[in-house]
Amino acid sequence: MWDDDLQATLSLIESTGSIGLRTTFLSLAIERFFATAYSATYEEDRRFFLLPALLIPLSYGFALIWAMSFLQWNLPYITFVTCTTLIDIAGTLSCLMLAYYNKRLRKQNLRTDIQLSQRYQINENLRVLGIIRPIMIAGVTFLTAAVWVRFLLKQIIGGYIGEISRNIFYLLVQIYVTLACFILLSRVQFNVWCIFSTPFTIRKPNPHTVSHPEKAAGSPLSFTNFNDNVVCPLKTHREITNSLGEKINIEPSITDHFKVLEKFWDNK
């Protein structure tokens, strides 16, 4: 009885996680679809802020319901393989079609009188799709391979190889997760080694950020050096005032940015 419950729990977790990754990809494509369809007002309309908060729970809720239905009705494994493959194809094709449409839309409106907010949203759509597209393609490749490999090992070969097919499935999924992290880091151009190298680099102490400059010339492993190199650069900038003592806004919002651009184009 205990073994049966454990087996059912592991199967539920496996199915939910596998389908959840796929439905998350599809949710990202749906979110970018709304951003493309309402590109003129997407950044300004606050109702769209709730869209990601609704799509993610819905995607995982659908994955959980599907996994529970699959186990309760004891559906054949080929049904699970077919449905997950169709979800993979739908998510990838949606992402590629949205990227193609946004490129075409940007090309058509390049020399037209288009709103600046809409032009910004088109570029933002292309940037986001450019980040998630390689991750989705890698996900489709590894997850589809994992599902089909387990299907072949378990249903056709069987025996001891079929028993360890679950481990091979999780191995391929973990390889994909690691690869997705490296793809994301490369797309956002983030140097992960700076996290480890910066605290141990000997630099000249900054008298404005170090509380005791005369003690900052010690070991490169000291807390003062860590505070000077890591903590202080992450802090917010100090207020800057003009000659009249008025505060200068050094962190403008997106709305302020568009107001300046519209003022420039109106006066041109």
C-alpha atoms as a PDB file:
ATOM      1  CA  MET A   1       0.000   0.000   0.000  1.00  0.00           C
ATOM      2  CA  TRP A   2       2.791   2.381   0.924  1.00  0.00           C
ATOM      3  CA  ASP A   3       4.668   1.545  -2.275  1.00  0.00           C
ATOM      4  CA  ASP A   4       1.561   2.168  -4.372  1.00  0.00           C
ATOM      5  CA  ASP A   5       0.960   5.574  -2.757  1.00  0.00           C
ATOM      6  CA  LEU A   6       4.603   6.542  -3.229  1.00  0.00           C
ATOM      7  CA  GLN A   7       4.529   5.452  -6.861  1.00  0.00           C
ATOM      8  CA  ALA A   8       1.345   7.445  -7.484  1.00  0.00           C
ATOM      9  CA  THR A   9       2.815  10.538  -5.806  1.00  0.00           C
ATOM     10  CA  LEU A  10       6.009  10.348  -7.861  1.00  0.00           C
ATOM     11  CA  SER A  11       4.016   9.908 -11.049  1.00  0.00           C
ATOM     12  CA  LEU A  12       1.839  12.912 -10.176  1.00  0.00           C
ATOM     13  CA  ILE A  13       4.887  15.100  -9.476  1.00  0.00           C
ATOM     14  CA  GLU A  14       6.602  13.958 -12.661  1.00  0.00           C
ATOM     15  CA  SER A  15       3.571  14.556 -14.860  1.00  0.00           C
ATOM     16  CA  THR A  16       2.761  17.927 -13.274  1.00  0.00           C
ATOM     17  CA  GLY A  17       6.329  19.190 -13.628  1.00  0.00           C
ATOM     18  CA  SER A  18       6.662  18.001 -17.201  1.00  0.00           C
ATOM     19  CA  ILE A  19       3.373  19.527 -18.340  1.00  0.00           C
ATOM     20  CA  GLY A  20       3.940  22.645 -16.208  1.00  0.00           C
ATOM     21  CA  LEU A  21       7.143  23.495 -18.078  1.00  0.00           C
ATOM     22  CA  ARG A  22       5.314  23.225 -21.380  1.00  0.00           C
ATOM     23  CA  THR A  23       2.281  25.259 -20.317  1.00  0.00           C
ATOM     24  CA  THR A  24       4.614  27.954 -18.959  1.00  0.00           C
ATOM     25  CA  PHE A  25       6.122  28.324 -22.429  1.00  0.00           C
ATOM     26  CA  LEU A  26       2.634  28.592 -23.866  1.00  0.00           C
ATOM     27  CA  SER A  27       1.716  31.214 -21.224  1.00  0.00           C
ATOM     28  CA  LEU A  28       4.690  33.353 -22.242  1.00  0.00           C
ATOM     29  CA  ALA A  29       3.576  33.175 -25.859  1.00  0.00           C
ATOM     30  CA  ILE A  30       0.021  34.152 -24.866  1.00  0.00           C
ATOM     31  CA  GLU A  31       1.317  37.123 -22.845  1.00  0.00           C
ATOM     32  CA  ARG A  32       3.392  38.319 -25.802  1.00  0.00           C
ATOM     33  CA  PHE A  33       0.342  37.879 -28.047  1.00  0.00           C
ATOM     34  CA  PHE A  34      -1.594  40.412 -25.953  1.00  0.00           C
ATOM     35  CA  ALA A  35       1.461  42.677 -25.900  1.00  0.00           C
ATOM     36  CA  THR A  36       1.526  42.545 -29.699  1.00  0.00           C
ATOM     37  CA  ALA A  37      -2.216  42.973 -30.218  1.00  0.00           C
ATOM     38  CA  TYR A  38      -2.412  45.940 -27.809  1.00  0.00           C
ATOM     39  CA  SER A  39       1.068  47.330 -28.416  1.00  0.00           C
ATOM     40  CA  ALA A  40      -0.189  50.929 -28.449  1.00  0.00           C
ATOM     41  CA  THR A  41      -1.557  50.817 -24.881  1.00  0.00           C
ATOM     42  CA  TYR A  42       0.018  47.713 -23.337  1.00  0.00           C
ATOM     43  CA  GLU A  43       2.548  49.576 -21.175  1.00  0.00           C
ATOM     44  CA  GLU A  44       0.061  52.224 -20.039  1.00  0.00           C
ATOM     45  CA  ASP A  45      -3.002  50.078 -19.326  1.00  0.00           C
ATOM     46  CA  ARG A  46      -2.666  48.778 -15.768  1.00  0.00           C
ATOM     47  CA  ARG A  47      -5.128  45.970 -16.399  1.00  0.00           C
ATOM     48  CA  PHE A  48      -2.472  44.116 -18.369  1.00  0.00           C
ATOM     49  CA  PHE A  49      -0.291  43.979 -15.236  1.00  0.00           C
ATOM     50  CA  LEU A  50      -2.591  41.232 -13.959  1.00  0.00           C
ATOM     51  CA  LEU A  51      -2.113  39.098 -17.061  1.00  0.00           C
ATOM     52  CA  PRO A  52       1.141  37.343 -16.017  1.00  0.00           C
ATOM     53  CA  ALA A  53      -0.218  36.868 -12.489  1.00  0.00           C
ATOM     54  CA  LEU A  54      -3.216  35.035 -13.949  1.00  0.00           C
ATOM     55  CA  LEU A  55      -1.464  33.026 -16.651  1.00  0.00           C
ATOM     56  CA  ILE A  56       1.161  31.369 -14.439  1.00  0.00           C
ATOM     57  CA  PRO A  57      -1.318  29.929 -11.869  1.00  0.00           C
ATOM     58  CA  LEU A  58      -3.614  28.858 -14.702  1.00  0.00           C
ATOM     59  CA  SER A  59      -0.787  27.079 -16.497  1.00  0.00           C
ATOM     60  CA  TYR A  60       0.256  25.124 -13.408  1.00  0.00           C
ATOM     61  CA  GLY A  61      -3.370  24.488 -12.465  1.00  0.00           C
ATOM     62  CA  PHE A  62      -3.994  23.016 -15.901  1.00  0.00           C
ATOM     63  CA  ALA A  63      -0.864  20.875 -15.538  1.00  0.00           C
ATOM     64  CA  LEU A  64      -2.000  19.565 -12.149  1.00  0.00           C
ATOM     65  CA  ILE A  65      -5.535  18.784 -13.360  1.00  0.00           C
ATOM     66  CA  TRP A  66      -4.224  17.043 -16.455  1.00  0.00           C
ATOM     67  CA  ALA A  67      -1.754  14.961 -14.424  1.00  0.00           C
ATOM     68  CA  MET A  68      -4.450  13.927 -11.939  1.00  0.00           C
ATOM     69  CA  SER A  69      -6.825  13.012 -14.765  1.00  0.00           C
ATOM     70  CA  PHE A  70      -4.093  11.004 -16.473  1.00  0.00           C
ATOM     71  CA  LEU A  71      -3.482   8.954 -13.329  1.00  0.00           C
ATOM     72  CA  GLN A  72      -7.125   8.619 -12.299  1.00  0.00           C
ATOM     73  CA  TRP A  73      -8.363   7.358 -15.653  1.00  0.00           C
ATOM     74  CA  ASN A  74      -5.206   5.291 -16.217  1.00  0.00           C
ATOM     75  CA  LEU A  75      -4.724   6.629 -19.730  1.00  0.00           C
ATOM     76  CA  PRO A  76      -2.075   4.983 -21.930  1.00  0.00           C
ATOM     77  CA  TYR A  77       1.351   6.582 -21.925  1.00  0.00           C
ATOM     78  CA  ILE A  78       1.121   7.280 -25.653  1.00  0.00           C
ATOM     79  CA  THR A  79      -1.707   9.729 -24.873  1.00  0.00           C
ATOM     80  CA  PHE A  80       0.558  11.634 -22.498  1.00  0.00           C
ATOM     81  CA  VAL A  81       3.347  11.665 -25.103  1.00  0.00           C
ATOM     82  CA  THR A  82       1.025  12.930 -27.838  1.00  0.00           C
ATOM     83  CA  CYS A  83      -0.493  15.734 -25.740  1.00  0.00           C
ATOM     84  CA  THR A  84       2.842  17.008 -24.436  1.00  0.00           C
ATOM     85  CA  THR A  85       4.310  16.988 -27.948  1.00  0.00           C
ATOM     86  CA  LEU A  86       1.345  18.998 -29.256  1.00  0.00           C
ATOM     87  CA  ILE A  87       1.789  21.552 -26.456  1.00  0.00           C
ATOM     88  CA  ASP A  88       5.491  21.841 -27.354  1.00  0.00           C
ATOM     89  CA  ILE A  89       4.702  22.433 -31.011  1.00  0.00           C
ATOM     90  CA  ALA A  90       1.997  25.002 -30.186  1.00  0.00           C
ATOM     91  CA  GLY A  91       4.275  27.003 -27.867  1.00  0.00           C
ATOM     92  CA  THR A  92       7.230  27.045 -30.255  1.00  0.00           C
ATOM     93  CA  LEU A  93       5.174  27.937 -33.330  1.00  0.00           C
ATOM     94  CA  SER A  94       3.408  30.714 -31.406  1.00  0.00           C
ATOM     95  CA  CYS A  95       6.732  32.220 -30.371  1.00  0.00           C
ATOM     96  CA  LEU A  96       8.164  32.052 -33.905  1.00  0.00           C
ATOM     97  CA  MET A  97       5.011  33.522 -35.469  1.00  0.00           C
ATOM     98  CA  LEU A  98       4.902  36.384 -32.954  1.00  0.00           C
ATOM     99  CA  ALA A  99       8.558  37.198 -33.605  1.00  0.00           C
ATOM    100  CA  TYR A 100       7.950  37.206 -37.367  1.00  0.00           C
ATOM    101  CA  TYR A 101       4.864  39.415 -37.032  1.00  0.00           C
ATOM    102  CA  ASN A 102       6.626  41.937 -34.766  1.00  0.00           C
ATOM    103  CA  LYS A 103       9.574  42.185 -37.165  1.00  0.00           C
ATOM    104  CA  ARG A 104       7.177  42.783 -40.028  1.00  0.00           C
ATOM    105  CA  LEU A 105       5.226  45.340 -37.991  1.00  0.00           C
ATOM    106  CA  ARG A 106       8.397  47.218 -37.065  1.00  0.00           C
ATOM    107  CA  LYS A 107       9.521  47.254 -40.697  1.00  0.00           C
ATOM    108  CA  GLN A 108       6.161  48.604 -41.885  1.00  0.00           C
ATOM    109  CA  ASN A 109       5.990  51.336 -39.242  1.00  0.00           C
ATOM    110  CA  LEU A 110       9.632  52.344 -39.380  1.00  0.00           C
ATOM    111  CA  ARG A 111       8.972  55.465 -41.452  1.00  0.00           C
ATOM    112  CA  THR A 112       5.375  56.120 -40.494  1.00  0.00           C
ATOM    113  CA  ASP A 113       3.783  58.338 -37.873  1.00  0.00           C
ATOM    114  CA  ILE A 114       3.547  55.663 -35.180  1.00  0.00           C
ATOM    115  CA  GLN A 115       3.116  56.332 -31.483  1.00  0.00           C
ATOM    116  CA  LEU A 116       6.331  56.151 -29.503  1.00  0.00           C
ATOM    117  CA  SER A 117       4.765  53.855 -26.935  1.00  0.00           C
ATOM    118  CA  GLN A 118       3.751  51.414 -29.670  1.00  0.00           C
ATOM    119  CA  ARG A 119       7.218  51.500 -31.210  1.00  0.00           C
ATOM    120  CA  TYR A 120       8.729  50.852 -27.800  1.00  0.00           C
ATOM    121  CA  GLN A 121       6.371  47.906 -27.240  1.00  0.00           C
ATOM    122  CA  ILE A 122       7.255  46.365 -30.602  1.00  0.00           C
ATOM    123  CA  ASN A 123      10.955  46.525 -29.757  1.00  0.00           C
ATOM    124  CA  GLU A 124      10.229  45.142 -26.296  1.00  0.00           C
ATOM    125  CA  ASN A 125       8.288  42.242 -27.811  1.00  0.00           C
ATOM    126  CA  LEU A 126      11.202  41.396 -30.076  1.00  0.00           C
ATOM    127  CA  ARG A 127      13.647  41.621 -27.182  1.00  0.00           C
ATOM    128  CA  VAL A 128      11.592  39.328 -24.934  1.00  0.00           C
ATOM    129  CA  LEU A 129      10.890  36.875 -27.745  1.00  0.00           C
ATOM    130  CA  GLY A 130      14.590  36.851 -28.589  1.00  0.00           C
ATOM    131  CA  ILE A 131      15.331  35.803 -25.002  1.00  0.00           C
ATOM    132  CA  ILE A 132      12.701  33.100 -24.633  1.00  0.00           C
ATOM    133  CA  ARG A 133      12.894  31.691 -28.174  1.00  0.00           C
ATOM    134  CA  PRO A 134      16.158  29.712 -27.731  1.00  0.00           C
ATOM    135  CA  ILE A 135      14.991  28.571 -24.291  1.00  0.00           C
ATOM    136  CA  MET A 136      11.709  27.312 -25.744  1.00  0.00           C
ATOM    137  CA  ILE A 137      13.456  25.540 -28.618  1.00  0.00           C
ATOM    138  CA  ALA A 138      15.867  23.874 -26.190  1.00  0.00           C
ATOM    139  CA  GLY A 139      12.944  22.971 -23.946  1.00  0.00           C
ATOM    140  CA  VAL A 140      10.991  21.412 -26.788  1.00  0.00           C
ATOM    141  CA  THR A 141      14.052  19.419 -27.848  1.00  0.00           C
ATOM    142  CA  PHE A 142      15.010  18.070 -24.423  1.00  0.00           C
ATOM    143  CA  LEU A 143      11.515  17.552 -23.018  1.00  0.00           C
ATOM    144  CA  THR A 144      10.243  15.831 -26.145  1.00  0.00           C
ATOM    145  CA  ALA A 145      13.364  13.664 -26.218  1.00  0.00           C
ATOM    146  CA  ALA A 146      12.913  12.816 -22.532  1.00  0.00           C
ATOM    147  CA  VAL A 147       9.280  11.777 -22.992  1.00  0.00           C
ATOM    148  CA  TRP A 148       9.917   9.704 -26.113  1.00  0.00           C
ATOM    149  CA  VAL A 149      13.060   8.072 -24.709  1.00  0.00           C
ATOM    150  CA  ARG A 150      11.168   6.975 -21.634  1.00  0.00           C
ATOM    151  CA  PHE A 151       8.305   5.747 -23.789  1.00  0.00           C
ATOM    152  CA  LEU A 152      10.642   3.610 -25.904  1.00  0.00           C
ATOM    153  CA  LEU A 153      12.587   2.257 -22.931  1.00  0.00           C
ATOM    154  CA  LYS A 154       9.526   1.477 -20.837  1.00  0.00           C
ATOM    155  CA  GLN A 155       7.012   0.252 -23.395  1.00  0.00           C
ATOM    156  CA  ILE A 156       9.229  -1.416 -26.000  1.00  0.00           C
ATOM    157  CA  ILE A 157      12.490  -2.514 -24.351  1.00  0.00           C
ATOM    158  CA  GLY A 158      11.191  -3.064 -20.819  1.00  0.00           C
ATOM    159  CA  GLY A 159      13.059  -5.029 -18.179  1.00  0.00           C
ATOM    160  CA  TYR A 160      15.706  -3.302 -16.079  1.00  0.00           C
ATOM    161  CA  ILE A 161      16.169  -0.602 -18.718  1.00  0.00           C
ATOM    162  CA  GLY A 162      12.468   0.170 -18.492  1.00  0.00           C
ATOM    163  CA  GLU A 163      12.682   0.454 -14.713  1.00  0.00           C
ATOM    164  CA  ILE A 164      15.423   3.091 -14.868  1.00  0.00           C
ATOM    165  CA  SER A 165      13.668   5.030 -17.634  1.00  0.00           C
ATOM    166  CA  ARG A 166      12.321   7.436 -14.995  1.00  0.00           C
ATOM    167  CA  ASN A 167      15.878   8.329 -13.951  1.00  0.00           C
ATOM    168  CA  ILE A 168      16.856   8.943 -17.563  1.00  0.00           C
ATOM    169  CA  PHE A 169      13.800  11.175 -17.952  1.00  0.00           C
ATOM    170  CA  TYR A 170      14.776  13.325 -14.961  1.00  0.00           C
ATOM    171  CA  LEU A 171      18.394  13.433 -16.160  1.00  0.00           C
ATOM    172  CA  LEU A 172      17.365  14.942 -19.490  1.00  0.00           C
ATOM    173  CA  VAL A 173      15.056  17.412 -17.743  1.00  0.00           C
ATOM    174  CA  GLN A 174      17.862  18.539 -15.421  1.00  0.00           C
ATOM    175  CA  ILE A 175      20.194  18.956 -18.397  1.00  0.00           C
ATOM    176  CA  TYR A 176      17.610  21.216 -19.999  1.00  0.00           C
ATOM    177  CA  VAL A 177      17.172  23.303 -16.831  1.00  0.00           C
ATOM    178  CA  THR A 178      20.942  23.843 -16.614  1.00  0.00           C
ATOM    179  CA  LEU A 179      21.151  24.698 -20.305  1.00  0.00           C
ATOM    180  CA  ALA A 180      18.240  27.137 -19.978  1.00  0.00           C
ATOM    181  CA  CYS A 181      20.043  28.974 -17.162  1.00  0.00           C
ATOM    182  CA  PHE A 182      23.178  29.392 -19.287  1.00  0.00           C
ATOM    183  CA  ILE A 183      21.109  30.516 -22.284  1.00  0.00           C
ATOM    184  CA  LEU A 184      19.339  33.116 -20.139  1.00  0.00           C
ATOM    185  CA  LEU A 185      22.619  34.414 -18.720  1.00  0.00           C
ATOM    186  CA  SER A 186      24.121  34.695 -22.201  1.00  0.00           C
ATOM    187  CA  ARG A 187      21.070  36.494 -23.598  1.00  0.00           C
ATOM    188  CA  VAL A 188      20.959  39.132 -20.857  1.00  0.00           C
ATOM    189  CA  GLN A 189      24.756  39.552 -21.053  1.00  0.00           C
ATOM    190  CA  PHE A 190      25.349  38.972 -17.367  1.00  0.00           C
ATOM    191  CA  ASN A 191      28.841  38.026 -16.263  1.00  0.00           C
ATOM    192  CA  VAL A 192      28.309  35.540 -13.470  1.00  0.00           C
ATOM    193  CA  TRP A 193      31.997  35.503 -12.584  1.00  0.00           C
ATOM    194  CA  CYS A 194      31.848  39.130 -11.403  1.00  0.00           C
ATOM    195  CA  ILE A 195      29.903  37.923  -8.354  1.00  0.00           C
ATOM    196  CA  PHE A 196      32.873  35.871  -7.199  1.00  0.00           C
ATOM    197  CA  SER A 197      35.770  37.962  -8.495  1.00  0.00           C
ATOM    198  CA  THR A 198      34.635  41.419  -7.358  1.00  0.00           C
ATOM    199  CA  PRO A 199      34.818  40.888  -3.565  1.00  0.00           C
ATOM    200  CA  PHE A 200      38.392  39.604  -3.784  1.00  0.00           C
ATOM    201  CA  THR A 201      39.809  42.300  -6.041  1.00  0.00           C
ATOM    202  CA  ILE A 202      42.135  44.839  -4.399  1.00  0.00           C
ATOM    203  CA  ARG A 203      40.941  48.302  -5.307  1.00  0.00           C
ATOM    204  CA  LYS A 204      41.700  51.758  -4.034  1.00  0.00           C
ATOM    205  CA  PRO A 205      39.225  52.591  -1.254  1.00  0.00           C
ATOM    206  CA  ASN A 206      36.566  55.162  -2.022  1.00  0.00           C
ATOM    207  CA  PRO A 207      36.397  57.787   0.761  1.00  0.00           C
ATOM    208  CA  HIS A 208      32.749  58.514  -0.073  1.00  0.00           C
ATOM    209  CA  THR A 209      31.585  54.921   0.432  1.00  0.00           C
ATOM    210  CA  VAL A 210      34.001  53.537   3.020  1.00  0.00           C
ATOM    211  CA  SER A 211      33.321  54.540   6.604  1.00  0.00           C
ATOM    212  CA  HIS A 212      36.985  54.228   7.651  1.00  0.00           C
ATOM    213  CA  PRO A 213      39.262  54.869   4.656  1.00  0.00           C
ATOM    214  CA  GLU A 214      42.406  54.561   6.740  1.00  0.00           C
ATOM    215  CA  LYS A 215      41.508  50.933   7.533  1.00  0.00           C
ATOM    216  CA  ALA A 216      40.483  49.952   4.017  1.00  0.00           C
ATOM    217  CA  ALA A 217      43.956  49.069   2.775  1.00  0.00           C
ATOM    218  CA  GLY A 218      43.988  45.716   4.513  1.00  0.00           C
ATOM    219  CA  SER A 219      43.385  42.248   3.225  1.00  0.00           C
ATOM    220  CA  PRO A 220      41.408  41.860  -0.017  1.00  0.00           C
ATOM    221  CA  LEU A 221      39.177  39.421   1.895  1.00  0.00           C
ATOM    222  CA  SER A 222      38.149  42.054   4.429  1.00  0.00           C
ATOM    223  CA  PHE A 223      34.536  43.122   4.920  1.00  0.00           C
ATOM    224  CA  THR A 224      35.452  46.714   4.079  1.00  0.00           C
ATOM    225  CA  ASN A 225      36.700  45.722   0.657  1.00  0.00           C
ATOM    226  CA  PHE A 226      33.549  43.674   0.089  1.00  0.00           C
ATOM    227  CA  ASN A 227      31.371  46.632   1.112  1.00  0.00           C
ATOM    228  CA  ASP A 228      33.294  49.019  -1.148  1.00  0.00           C
ATOM    229  CA  ASN A 229      33.192  46.767  -4.208  1.00  0.00           C
ATOM    230  CA  VAL A 230      29.838  45.014  -3.958  1.00  0.00           C
ATOM    231  CA  VAL A 231      27.398  46.562  -1.489  1.00  0.00           C
ATOM    232  CA  CYS A 232      27.863  50.245  -2.281  1.00  0.00           C
ATOM    233  CA  PRO A 233      27.553  49.944  -6.087  1.00  0.00           C
ATOM    234  CA  LEU A 234      24.217  48.186  -5.552  1.00  0.00           C
ATOM    235  CA  LYS A 235      22.837  51.022  -3.422  1.00  0.00           C
ATOM    236  CA  THR A 236      20.649  53.714  -4.922  1.00  0.00           C
ATOM    237  CA  HIS A 237      22.248  56.933  -6.058  1.00  0.00           C
ATOM    238  CA  ARG A 238      22.267  59.947  -3.828  1.00  0.00           C
ATOM    239  CA  GLU A 239      20.011  62.887  -4.603  1.00  0.00           C
ATOM    240  CA  ILE A 240      21.365  65.393  -7.105  1.00  0.00           C
ATOM    241  CA  THR A 241      20.268  69.028  -6.975  1.00  0.00           C
ATOM    242  CA  ASN A 242      20.812  71.954  -9.318  1.00  0.00           C
ATOM    243  CA  SER A 243      22.152  75.384  -8.432  1.00  0.00           C
ATOM    244  CA  LEU A 244      18.728  76.421  -7.093  1.00  0.00           C
ATOM    245  CA  GLY A 245      18.563  73.466  -4.730  1.00  0.00           C
ATOM    246  CA  GLU A 246      15.861  71.702  -6.732  1.00  0.00           C
ATOM    247  CA  LYS A 247      15.993  67.932  -6.934  1.00  0.00           C
ATOM    248  CA  ILE A 248      16.956  66.492 -10.322  1.00  0.00           C
ATOM    249  CA  ASN A 249      15.187  63.288 -11.300  1.00  0.00           C
ATOM    250  CA  ILE A 250      17.968  60.811 -12.136  1.00  0.00           C
ATOM    251  CA  GLU A 251      15.670  57.780 -12.337  1.00  0.00           C
ATOM    252  CA  PRO A 252      12.835  58.788 -14.688  1.00  0.00           C
ATOM    253  CA  SER A 253       9.909  56.499 -15.256  1.00  0.00           C
ATOM    254  CA  ILE A 254       8.802  55.151 -18.632  1.00  0.00           C
ATOM    255  CA  THR A 255       6.109  57.840 -18.792  1.00  0.00           C
ATOM    256  CA  ASP A 256       8.684  60.610 -18.234  1.00  0.00           C
ATOM    257  CA  HIS A 257      10.849  59.092 -20.948  1.00  0.00           C
ATOM    258  CA  PHE A 258       8.026  59.159 -23.482  1.00  0.00           C
ATOM    259  CA  LYS A 259       7.055  62.713 -22.520  1.00  0.00           C
ATOM    260  CA  VAL A 260      10.570  63.936 -23.298  1.00  0.00           C
ATOM    261  CA  LEU A 261      10.608  62.116 -26.640  1.00  0.00           C
ATOM    262  CA  GLU A 262       7.174  63.425 -27.621  1.00  0.00           C
ATOM    263  CA  LYS A 263       8.207  66.952 -26.664  1.00  0.00           C
ATOM    264  CA  PHE A 264      11.294  66.597 -28.843  1.00  0.00           C
ATOM    265  CA  TRP A 265       9.338  65.360 -31.864  1.00  0.00           C
ATOM    266  CA  ASP A 266       6.648  68.060 -31.449  1.00  0.00           C
ATOM    267  CA  ASN A 267       9.259  70.833 -31.462  1.00  0.00           C
ATOM    268  CA  LYS A 268      11.192  69.361 -34.370  1.00  0.00           C
END
